[in-house]
PDB file of all heavy atoms in Angstrom:
ATOM      1  N   ASP A   1     -59.758-166.228  93.392  1.00  0.00           N
ATOM      2  CA  ASP A   1     -59.535-167.222  92.476  1.00  0.00           C
ATOM      3  C   ASP A   1     -60.079-168.586  92.981  1.00  0.00           C
ATOM      4  O   ASP A   1     -60.702-169.268  92.160  1.00  0.00           O
ATOM      5  CB  ASP A   1     -57.987-167.383  92.195  1.00  0.00           C
ATOM      6  CG  ASP A   1     -57.680-168.410  91.240  1.00  0.00           C
ATOM      7  OD1 ASP A   1     -58.163-168.374  90.051  1.00  0.00           O
ATOM      8  OD2 ASP A   1     -56.899-169.410  91.562  1.00  0.00           O
ATOM      9  N   TRP A   2     -59.915-168.896  94.226  1.00  0.00           N
ATOM     10  CA  TRP A   2     -60.427-170.143  94.784  1.00  0.00           C
ATOM     11  C   TRP A   2     -61.948-170.254  94.632  1.00  0.00           C
ATOM     12  O   TRP A   2     -62.468-171.200  94.193  1.00  0.00           O
ATOM     13  CB  TRP A   2     -60.070-170.257  96.232  1.00  0.00           C
ATOM     14  CG  TRP A   2     -60.343-171.616  96.808  1.00  0.00           C
ATOM     15  CD1 TRP A   2     -59.658-172.702  96.881  1.00  0.00           C
ATOM     16  CD2 TRP A   2     -61.684-171.951  97.401  1.00  0.00           C
ATOM     17  NE1 TRP A   2     -60.241-173.728  97.478  1.00  0.00           N
ATOM     18  CE2 TRP A   2     -61.545-173.341  97.761  1.00  0.00           C
ATOM     19  CE3 TRP A   2     -62.882-171.352  97.675  1.00  0.00           C
ATOM     20  CZ2 TRP A   2     -62.573-174.018  98.379  1.00  0.00           C
ATOM     21  CZ3 TRP A   2     -63.918-172.077  98.264  1.00  0.00           C
ATOM     22  CH2 TRP A   2     -63.750-173.418  98.613  1.00  0.00           C
ATOM     23  N   PHE A   3     -62.677-169.166  94.979  1.00  0.00           N
ATOM     24  CA  PHE A   3     -64.116-169.177  94.929  1.00  0.00           C
ATOM     25  C   PHE A   3     -64.508-169.260  93.384  1.00  0.00           C
ATOM     26  O   PHE A   3     -65.538-169.989  93.176  1.00  0.00           O
ATOM     27  CB  PHE A   3     -64.705-167.889  95.478  1.00  0.00           C
ATOM     28  CG  PHE A   3     -64.860-168.024  97.007  1.00  0.00           C
ATOM     29  CD1 PHE A   3     -63.881-167.536  97.912  1.00  0.00           C
ATOM     30  CD2 PHE A   3     -65.971-168.655  97.573  1.00  0.00           C
ATOM     31  CE1 PHE A   3     -64.060-167.652  99.260  1.00  0.00           C
ATOM     32  CE2 PHE A   3     -66.182-168.789  98.894  1.00  0.00           C
ATOM     33  CZ  PHE A   3     -65.255-168.339  99.769  1.00  0.00           C
ATOM     34  N   ARG A   4     -63.855-168.556  92.494  1.00  0.00           N
ATOM     35  CA  ARG A   4     -64.254-168.646  91.049  1.00  0.00           C
ATOM     36  C   ARG A   4     -63.998-170.076  90.623  1.00  0.00           C
ATOM     37  O   ARG A   4     -64.851-170.609  89.814  1.00  0.00           O
ATOM     38  CB  ARG A   4     -63.346-167.704  90.259  1.00  0.00           C
ATOM     39  CG  ARG A   4     -63.829-166.328  90.313  1.00  0.00           C
ATOM     40  CD  ARG A   4     -63.109-165.427  89.349  1.00  0.00           C
ATOM     41  NE  ARG A   4     -63.627-164.064  89.364  1.00  0.00           N
ATOM     42  CZ  ARG A   4     -62.969-163.000  89.063  1.00  0.00           C
ATOM     43  NH1 ARG A   4     -61.633-163.074  88.729  1.00  0.00           N
ATOM     44  NH2 ARG A   4     -63.504-161.835  89.106  1.00  0.00           N
ATOM     45  N   ARG A   5     -62.901-170.748  90.934  1.00  0.00           N
ATOM     46  CA  ARG A   5     -62.644-172.076  90.479  1.00  0.00           C
ATOM     47  C   ARG A   5     -63.593-173.060  91.046  1.00  0.00           C
ATOM     48  O   ARG A   5     -63.853-174.056  90.397  1.00  0.00           O
ATOM     49  CB  ARG A   5     -61.165-172.474  90.842  1.00  0.00           C
ATOM     50  CG  ARG A   5     -60.142-171.862  89.890  1.00  0.00           C
ATOM     51  CD  ARG A   5     -58.692-172.435  90.158  1.00  0.00           C
ATOM     52  NE  ARG A   5     -58.161-171.874  91.483  1.00  0.00           N
ATOM     53  CZ  ARG A   5     -57.960-172.593  92.557  1.00  0.00           C
ATOM     54  NH1 ARG A   5     -58.325-173.893  92.610  1.00  0.00           N
ATOM     55  NH2 ARG A   5     -57.510-172.084  93.682  1.00  0.00           N
ATOM     56  N   HIS A   6     -64.111-172.894  92.255  1.00  0.00           N
ATOM     57  CA  HIS A   6     -65.091-173.796  92.817  1.00  0.00           C
ATOM     58  C   HIS A   6     -66.487-173.473  92.566  1.00  0.00           C
ATOM     59  O   HIS A   6     -67.407-174.262  93.066  1.00  0.00           O
ATOM     60  CB  HIS A   6     -64.746-173.857  94.398  1.00  0.00           C
ATOM     61  CG  HIS A   6     -63.507-174.570  94.733  1.00  0.00           C
ATOM     62  ND1 HIS A   6     -62.278-173.908  94.687  1.00  0.00           N
ATOM     63  CD2 HIS A   6     -63.210-175.837  94.994  1.00  0.00           C
ATOM     64  CE1 HIS A   6     -61.305-174.793  94.938  1.00  0.00           C
ATOM     65  NE2 HIS A   6     -61.907-175.947  95.135  1.00  0.00           N
ATOM     66  N   ALA A   7     -66.768-172.446  91.837  1.00  0.00           N
ATOM     67  CA  ALA A   7     -68.201-172.084  91.517  1.00  0.00           C
ATOM     68  C   ALA A   7     -68.544-172.817  90.261  1.00  0.00           C
ATOM     69  O   ALA A   7     -67.709-173.212  89.411  1.00  0.00           O
ATOM     70  CB  ALA A   7     -68.323-170.553  91.263  1.00  0.00           C
ATOM     71  N   ALA A   8     -69.815-173.220  90.155  1.00  0.00           N
ATOM     72  CA  ALA A   8     -70.341-174.007  89.006  1.00  0.00           C
ATOM     73  C   ALA A   8     -70.199-173.049  87.780  1.00  0.00           C
ATOM     74  O   ALA A   8     -70.742-171.951  87.633  1.00  0.00           O
ATOM     75  CB  ALA A   8     -71.736-174.315  89.172  1.00  0.00           C
ATOM     76  N   LYS A   9     -69.381-173.471  86.865  1.00  0.00           N
ATOM     77  CA  LYS A   9     -69.053-172.778  85.550  1.00  0.00           C
ATOM     78  C   LYS A   9     -68.595-171.322  85.716  1.00  0.00           C
ATOM     79  O   LYS A   9     -68.843-170.522  84.961  1.00  0.00           O
ATOM     80  CB  LYS A   9     -70.303-172.815  84.626  1.00  0.00           C
ATOM     81  CG  LYS A   9     -70.734-174.232  84.192  1.00  0.00           C
ATOM     82  CD  LYS A   9     -71.876-174.195  83.270  1.00  0.00           C
ATOM     83  CE  LYS A   9     -72.303-175.609  82.936  1.00  0.00           C
ATOM     84  NZ  LYS A   9     -73.572-175.626  82.165  1.00  0.00           N
ATOM     85  N   GLY A  10     -68.004-171.151  86.994  1.00  0.00           N
ATOM     86  CA  GLY A  10     -67.426-169.852  87.184  1.00  0.00           C
ATOM     87  C   GLY A  10     -68.514-168.788  87.561  1.00  0.00           C
ATOM     88  O   GLY A  10     -68.186-167.673  87.771  1.00  0.00           O
ATOM     89  N   ARG A  11     -69.702-169.258  87.731  1.00  0.00           N
ATOM     90  CA  ARG A  11     -70.839-168.339  88.062  1.00  0.00           C
ATOM     91  C   ARG A  11     -71.241-168.526  89.574  1.00  0.00           C
ATOM     92  O   ARG A  11     -71.067-169.648  90.145  1.00  0.00           O
ATOM     93  CB  ARG A  11     -72.021-168.614  87.185  1.00  0.00           C
ATOM     94  CG  ARG A  11     -71.670-168.457  85.726  1.00  0.00           C
ATOM     95  CD  ARG A  11     -72.767-168.763  84.852  1.00  0.00           C
ATOM     96  NE  ARG A  11     -73.874-167.791  85.000  1.00  0.00           N
ATOM     97  CZ  ARG A  11     -75.062-167.960  84.540  1.00  0.00           C
ATOM     98  NH1 ARG A  11     -75.400-169.022  83.941  1.00  0.00           N
ATOM     99  NH2 ARG A  11     -76.014-167.051  84.800  1.00  0.00           N
ATOM    100  N   GLY A  12     -71.635-167.548  90.146  1.00  0.00           N
ATOM    101  CA  GLY A  12     -72.139-167.478  91.550  1.00  0.00           C
ATOM    102  C   GLY A  12     -71.050-167.446  92.598  1.00  0.00           C
ATOM    103  O   GLY A  12     -71.316-167.700  93.767  1.00  0.00           O
ATOM    104  N   TYR A  13     -69.849-167.117  92.254  1.00  0.00           N
ATOM    105  CA  TYR A  13     -68.789-167.101  93.180  1.00  0.00           C
ATOM    106  C   TYR A  13     -68.960-165.968  94.192  1.00  0.00           C
ATOM    107  O   TYR A  13     -68.611-166.148  95.389  1.00  0.00           O
ATOM    108  CB  TYR A  13     -67.377-166.980  92.548  1.00  0.00           C
ATOM    109  CG  TYR A  13     -67.124-165.536  91.944  1.00  0.00           C
ATOM    110  CD1 TYR A  13     -66.391-164.675  92.794  1.00  0.00           C
ATOM    111  CD2 TYR A  13     -67.551-165.165  90.706  1.00  0.00           C
ATOM    112  CE1 TYR A  13     -66.073-163.376  92.243  1.00  0.00           C
ATOM    113  CE2 TYR A  13     -67.241-163.984  90.260  1.00  0.00           C
ATOM    114  CZ  TYR A  13     -66.527-163.063  90.973  1.00  0.00           C
ATOM    115  OH  TYR A  13     -66.208-161.868  90.476  1.00  0.00           O
ATOM    116  N   GLN A  14     -69.623-164.931  93.850  1.00  0.00           N
ATOM    117  CA  GLN A  14     -69.854-163.856  94.861  1.00  0.00           C
ATOM    118  C   GLN A  14     -70.930-164.302  95.892  1.00  0.00           C
ATOM    119  O   GLN A  14     -70.880-163.938  97.013  1.00  0.00           O
ATOM    120  CB  GLN A  14     -70.389-162.589  94.118  1.00  0.00           C
ATOM    121  CG  GLN A  14     -69.230-161.838  93.243  1.00  0.00           C
ATOM    122  CD  GLN A  14     -69.685-160.734  92.514  1.00  0.00           C
ATOM    123  OE1 GLN A  14     -70.933-160.609  92.164  1.00  0.00           O
ATOM    124  NE2 GLN A  14     -68.829-159.858  92.156  1.00  0.00           N
ATOM    125  N   THR A  15     -71.908-165.069  95.404  1.00  0.00           N
ATOM    126  CA  THR A  15     -72.915-165.563  96.316  1.00  0.00           C
ATOM    127  C   THR A  15     -72.236-166.552  97.284  1.00  0.00           C
ATOM    128  O   THR A  15     -72.550-166.579  98.476  1.00  0.00           O
ATOM    129  CB  THR A  15     -73.998-166.349  95.485  1.00  0.00           C
ATOM    130  OG1 THR A  15     -74.599-165.385  94.647  1.00  0.00           O
ATOM    131  CG2 THR A  15     -75.094-166.954  96.459  1.00  0.00           C
ATOM    132  N   GLU A  16     -71.244-167.302  96.836  1.00  0.00           N
ATOM    133  CA  GLU A  16     -70.559-168.266  97.709  1.00  0.00           C
ATOM    134  C   GLU A  16     -69.771-167.523  98.749  1.00  0.00           C
ATOM    135  O   GLU A  16     -69.573-167.864  99.861  1.00  0.00           O
ATOM    136  CB  GLU A  16     -69.712-169.198  96.899  1.00  0.00           C
ATOM    137  CG  GLU A  16     -70.551-170.268  96.164  1.00  0.00           C
ATOM    138  CD  GLU A  16     -71.386-171.092  97.146  1.00  0.00           C
ATOM    139  OE1 GLU A  16     -70.945-171.547  98.151  1.00  0.00           O
ATOM    140  OE2 GLU A  16     -72.646-171.336  96.766  1.00  0.00           O
ATOM    141  N   ILE A  17     -69.127-166.424  98.281  1.00  0.00           N
ATOM    142  CA  ILE A  17     -68.377-165.546  99.235  1.00  0.00           C
ATOM    143  C   ILE A  17     -69.247-164.986 100.308  1.00  0.00           C
ATOM    144  O   ILE A  17     -68.957-165.042 101.496  1.00  0.00           O
ATOM    145  CB  ILE A  17     -67.556-164.390  98.463  1.00  0.00           C
ATOM    146  CG1 ILE A  17     -66.488-165.013  97.638  1.00  0.00           C
ATOM    147  CG2 ILE A  17     -66.973-163.370  99.462  1.00  0.00           C
ATOM    148  CD1 ILE A  17     -65.799-163.976  96.685  1.00  0.00           C
ATOM    149  N   ASN A  18     -70.426-164.487  99.857  1.00  0.00           N
ATOM    150  CA  ASN A  18     -71.389-164.048 100.796  1.00  0.00           C
ATOM    151  C   ASN A  18     -71.873-165.102 101.801  1.00  0.00           C
ATOM    152  O   ASN A  18     -72.009-164.880 103.038  1.00  0.00           O
ATOM    153  CB  ASN A  18     -72.591-163.431 100.017  1.00  0.00           C
ATOM    154  CG  ASN A  18     -73.589-162.701 100.981  1.00  0.00           C
ATOM    155  OD1 ASN A  18     -73.256-161.678 101.387  1.00  0.00           O
ATOM    156  ND2 ASN A  18     -74.762-163.379 101.157  1.00  0.00           N
ATOM    157  N   ARG A  19     -72.045-166.289 101.275  1.00  0.00           N
ATOM    158  CA  ARG A  19     -72.470-167.375 102.150  1.00  0.00           C
ATOM    159  C   ARG A  19     -71.367-167.733 103.177  1.00  0.00           C
ATOM    160  O   ARG A  19     -71.688-167.994 104.330  1.00  0.00           O
ATOM    161  CB  ARG A  19     -72.793-168.677 101.267  1.00  0.00           C
ATOM    162  CG  ARG A  19     -73.446-169.737 102.029  1.00  0.00           C
ATOM    163  CD  ARG A  19     -73.930-170.812 101.167  1.00  0.00           C
ATOM    164  NE  ARG A  19     -75.087-170.308 100.380  1.00  0.00           N
ATOM    165  CZ  ARG A  19     -75.280-170.452  99.101  1.00  0.00           C
ATOM    166  NH1 ARG A  19     -74.366-171.121  98.379  1.00  0.00           N
ATOM    167  NH2 ARG A  19     -76.275-169.965  98.502  1.00  0.00           N
ATOM    168  N   ALA A  20     -70.153-167.678 102.718  1.00  0.00           N
ATOM    169  CA  ALA A  20     -69.013-168.054 103.543  1.00  0.00           C
ATOM    170  C   ALA A  20     -68.969-166.927 104.711  1.00  0.00           C
ATOM    171  O   ALA A  20     -68.746-167.264 105.929  1.00  0.00           O
ATOM    172  CB  ALA A  20     -67.717-168.083 102.833  1.00  0.00           C
ATOM    173  N   LEU A  21     -69.108-165.671 104.351  1.00  0.00           N
ATOM    174  CA  LEU A  21     -69.131-164.631 105.324  1.00  0.00           C
ATOM    175  C   LEU A  21     -70.247-164.736 106.298  1.00  0.00           C
ATOM    176  O   LEU A  21     -70.132-164.514 107.485  1.00  0.00           O
ATOM    177  CB  LEU A  21     -69.149-163.241 104.649  1.00  0.00           C
ATOM    178  CG  LEU A  21     -67.893-162.903 103.912  1.00  0.00           C
ATOM    179  CD1 LEU A  21     -68.122-161.672 103.030  1.00  0.00           C
ATOM    180  CD2 LEU A  21     -66.730-162.610 104.831  1.00  0.00           C
ATOM    181  N   ARG A  22     -71.455-165.121 105.764  1.00  0.00           N
ATOM    182  CA  ARG A  22     -72.681-165.206 106.665  1.00  0.00           C
ATOM    183  C   ARG A  22     -72.409-166.364 107.592  1.00  0.00           C
ATOM    184  O   ARG A  22     -72.748-166.295 108.823  1.00  0.00           O
ATOM    185  CB  ARG A  22     -73.881-165.482 105.784  1.00  0.00           C
ATOM    186  CG  ARG A  22     -75.116-165.693 106.658  1.00  0.00           C
ATOM    187  CD  ARG A  22     -76.377-165.781 105.823  1.00  0.00           C
ATOM    188  NE  ARG A  22     -76.655-164.573 105.132  1.00  0.00           N
ATOM    189  CZ  ARG A  22     -77.260-163.468 105.714  1.00  0.00           C
ATOM    190  NH1 ARG A  22     -77.441-163.436 106.994  1.00  0.00           N
ATOM    191  NH2 ARG A  22     -77.486-162.375 104.988  1.00  0.00           N
ATOM    192  N   ASP A  23     -71.873-167.533 107.191  1.00  0.00           N
ATOM    193  CA  ASP A  23     -71.595-168.603 108.054  1.00  0.00           C
ATOM    194  C   ASP A  23     -70.568-168.197 109.180  1.00  0.00           C
ATOM    195  O   ASP A  23     -70.835-168.497 110.352  1.00  0.00           O
ATOM    196  CB  ASP A  23     -70.984-169.793 107.306  1.00  0.00           C
ATOM    197  CG  ASP A  23     -71.959-170.523 106.436  1.00  0.00           C
ATOM    198  OD1 ASP A  23     -73.159-170.305 106.577  1.00  0.00           O
ATOM    199  OD2 ASP A  23     -71.448-171.282 105.592  1.00  0.00           O
ATOM    200  N   HIS A  24     -69.618-167.386 108.818  1.00  0.00           N
ATOM    201  CA  HIS A  24     -68.612-166.891 109.834  1.00  0.00           C
ATOM    202  C   HIS A  24     -69.324-166.014 110.882  1.00  0.00           C
ATOM    203  O   HIS A  24     -69.194-166.172 112.056  1.00  0.00           O
ATOM    204  CB  HIS A  24     -67.506-166.124 109.135  1.00  0.00           C
ATOM    205  CG  HIS A  24     -66.575-165.471 110.069  1.00  0.00           C
ATOM    206  ND1 HIS A  24     -65.632-166.218 110.773  1.00  0.00           N
ATOM    207  CD2 HIS A  24     -66.411-164.253 110.464  1.00  0.00           C
ATOM    208  CE1 HIS A  24     -64.924-165.425 111.510  1.00  0.00           C
ATOM    209  NE2 HIS A  24     -65.401-164.174 111.339  1.00  0.00           N
ATOM    210  N   VAL A  25     -70.218-165.082 110.366  1.00  0.00           N
ATOM    211  CA  VAL A  25     -70.942-164.228 111.303  1.00  0.00           C
ATOM    212  C   VAL A  25     -71.855-165.001 112.200  1.00  0.00           C
ATOM    213  O   VAL A  25     -71.886-164.758 113.402  1.00  0.00           O
ATOM    214  CB  VAL A  25     -71.770-163.181 110.496  1.00  0.00           C
ATOM    215  CG1 VAL A  25     -72.679-162.418 111.357  1.00  0.00           C
ATOM    216  CG2 VAL A  25     -70.824-162.223 109.724  1.00  0.00           C
TER     217      VAL A  25
END
């Protein structure tokens, strides 16, 4: 829900999740 709410127009939230995971790695 957090990623969906913070994505532009609800789009790209999966890409943002991937980016967050990549940053962590």
